[in-house]
Amino acid sequence: MDDGQIQSTIERLVAEEHELWERESSGELSPDNRRRLEVVQVSLDQCWDLLRQRRARRHAGQDPEAAEARPAVVVEEYEQ
């Protein structure tokens, strides 16, 4: 996946996340949608992490294609 594809995926996930948060704020979020929101949030974290890895590798003169998506358990343990 190149940077543009990652960015497109992020934009799609952000739109879905906003839609789910709107449902949440109006009290219309089902348990299935709540689980989907959690999945979307983790996927967003993974995409952002991958994009940052690619940019860092490029900045360091390394091949951005060598960056790999990290497992959710790794990405979710990062300190903010």
C-alpha atoms as a PDB file:
ATOM      1  CA  MET A   1       0.000   0.000   0.000  1.00  0.00           C
ATOM      2  CA  ASP A   2       1.420   3.407  -0.892  1.00  0.00           C
ATOM      3  CA  ASP A   3       0.961   6.654   1.048  1.00  0.00           C
ATOM      4  CA  GLY A   4      -2.013   7.720  -1.066  1.00  0.00           C
ATOM      5  CA  GLN A   5      -3.814   4.438  -0.483  1.00  0.00           C
ATOM      6  CA  ILE A   6      -3.140   4.630   3.238  1.00  0.00           C
ATOM      7  CA  GLN A   7      -4.411   8.212   3.329  1.00  0.00           C
ATOM      8  CA  SER A   8      -7.567   7.191   1.443  1.00  0.00           C
ATOM      9  CA  THR A   9      -8.163   4.378   3.908  1.00  0.00           C
ATOM     10  CA  ILE A  10      -7.698   6.806   6.803  1.00  0.00           C
ATOM     11  CA  GLU A  11     -10.218   9.220   5.280  1.00  0.00           C
ATOM     12  CA  ARG A  12     -12.754   6.421   4.766  1.00  0.00           C
ATOM     13  CA  LEU A  13     -12.295   5.175   8.338  1.00  0.00           C
ATOM     14  CA  VAL A  14     -12.536   8.697   9.775  1.00  0.00           C
ATOM     15  CA  ALA A  15     -15.837   9.230   7.946  1.00  0.00           C
ATOM     16  CA  GLU A  16     -17.171   5.959   9.335  1.00  0.00           C
ATOM     17  CA  GLU A  17     -15.925   6.823  12.817  1.00  0.00           C
ATOM     18  CA  HIS A  18     -17.715  10.187  12.692  1.00  0.00           C
ATOM     19  CA  GLU A  19     -20.924   8.515  11.583  1.00  0.00           C
ATOM     20  CA  LEU A  20     -20.712   6.030  14.443  1.00  0.00           C
ATOM     21  CA  TRP A  21     -19.971   8.804  16.971  1.00  0.00           C
ATOM     22  CA  GLU A  22     -23.046  10.689  15.714  1.00  0.00           C
ATOM     23  CA  ARG A  23     -25.155   7.593  16.361  1.00  0.00           C
ATOM     24  CA  GLU A  24     -23.568   7.296  19.800  1.00  0.00           C
ATOM     25  CA  SER A  25     -24.372  10.906  20.687  1.00  0.00           C
ATOM     26  CA  SER A  26     -28.014  10.415  19.697  1.00  0.00           C
ATOM     27  CA  GLY A  27     -28.251   7.172  21.667  1.00  0.00           C
ATOM     28  CA  GLU A  28     -28.709   5.025  18.552  1.00  0.00           C
ATOM     29  CA  LEU A  29     -25.516   2.968  18.638  1.00  0.00           C
ATOM     30  CA  SER A  30     -26.216  -0.765  18.773  1.00  0.00           C
ATOM     31  CA  PRO A  31     -23.840  -3.215  20.441  1.00  0.00           C
ATOM     32  CA  ASP A  32     -22.704  -4.362  16.963  1.00  0.00           C
ATOM     33  CA  ASN A  33     -21.991  -0.772  15.971  1.00  0.00           C
ATOM     34  CA  ARG A  34     -20.131  -0.201  19.242  1.00  0.00           C
ATOM     35  CA  ARG A  35     -17.869  -3.135  18.390  1.00  0.00           C
ATOM     36  CA  ARG A  36     -17.457  -1.754  14.869  1.00  0.00           C
ATOM     37  CA  LEU A  37     -16.417   1.611  16.329  1.00  0.00           C
ATOM     38  CA  GLU A  38     -13.708  -0.139  18.341  1.00  0.00           C
ATOM     39  CA  VAL A  39     -12.479  -1.946  15.204  1.00  0.00           C
ATOM     40  CA  VAL A  40     -12.453   1.312  13.236  1.00  0.00           C
ATOM     41  CA  GLN A  41     -10.456   3.072  15.939  1.00  0.00           C
ATOM     42  CA  VAL A  42      -7.826   0.321  16.048  1.00  0.00           C
ATOM     43  CA  SER A  43      -7.644   0.262  12.236  1.00  0.00           C
ATOM     44  CA  LEU A  44      -7.109   4.017  12.214  1.00  0.00           C
ATOM     45  CA  ASP A  45      -4.272   3.686  14.721  1.00  0.00           C
ATOM     46  CA  GLN A  46      -2.669   0.995  12.566  1.00  0.00           C
ATOM     47  CA  CYS A  47      -2.977   3.097   9.398  1.00  0.00           C
ATOM     48  CA  TRP A  48      -1.523   6.192  11.057  1.00  0.00           C
ATOM     49  CA  ASP A  49       1.329   4.095  12.449  1.00  0.00           C
ATOM     50  CA  LEU A  50       2.084   2.640   9.019  1.00  0.00           C
ATOM     51  CA  LEU A  51       2.006   6.081   7.399  1.00  0.00           C
ATOM     52  CA  ARG A  52       4.385   7.437  10.074  1.00  0.00           C
ATOM     53  CA  GLN A  53       6.728   4.491   9.569  1.00  0.00           C
ATOM     54  CA  ARG A  54       6.805   5.090   5.814  1.00  0.00           C
ATOM     55  CA  ARG A  55       7.508   8.802   6.269  1.00  0.00           C
ATOM     56  CA  ALA A  56      10.249   8.123   8.822  1.00  0.00           C
ATOM     57  CA  ARG A  57      11.903   5.555   6.568  1.00  0.00           C
ATOM     58  CA  ARG A  58      11.750   7.940   3.614  1.00  0.00           C
ATOM     59  CA  HIS A  59      13.202  10.765   5.733  1.00  0.00           C
ATOM     60  CA  ALA A  60      16.042   8.450   6.842  1.00  0.00           C
ATOM     61  CA  GLY A  61      16.828   7.541   3.234  1.00  0.00           C
ATOM     62  CA  GLN A  62      15.387   4.057   3.623  1.00  0.00           C
ATOM     63  CA  ASP A  63      12.820   2.227   1.523  1.00  0.00           C
ATOM     64  CA  PRO A  64       9.303   3.145   2.702  1.00  0.00           C
ATOM     65  CA  GLU A  65       8.027  -0.079   1.129  1.00  0.00           C
ATOM     66  CA  ALA A  66       9.816  -1.996   3.897  1.00  0.00           C
ATOM     67  CA  ALA A  67       7.403  -0.562   6.487  1.00  0.00           C
ATOM     68  CA  GLU A  68       4.850  -3.052   7.720  1.00  0.00           C
ATOM     69  CA  ALA A  69       1.537  -2.703   9.504  1.00  0.00           C
ATOM     70  CA  ARG A  70       1.996  -3.606  13.133  1.00  0.00           C
ATOM     71  CA  PRO A  71      -0.450  -5.807  15.039  1.00  0.00           C
ATOM     72  CA  ALA A  72      -3.240  -4.083  16.940  1.00  0.00           C
ATOM     73  CA  VAL A  73      -1.820  -5.254  20.261  1.00  0.00           C
ATOM     74  CA  VAL A  74       1.413  -3.372  19.519  1.00  0.00           C
ATOM     75  CA  VAL A  75      -0.157  -0.184  18.181  1.00  0.00           C
ATOM     76  CA  GLU A  76      -2.698   0.047  20.989  1.00  0.00           C
ATOM     77  CA  GLU A  77       0.020  -0.090  23.648  1.00  0.00           C
ATOM     78  CA  TYR A  78       1.751   3.104  22.440  1.00  0.00           C
ATOM     79  CA  GLU A  79       1.703   5.989  24.873  1.00  0.00           C
ATOM     80  CA  GLN A  80       0.023   9.086  23.537  1.00  0.00           C
END
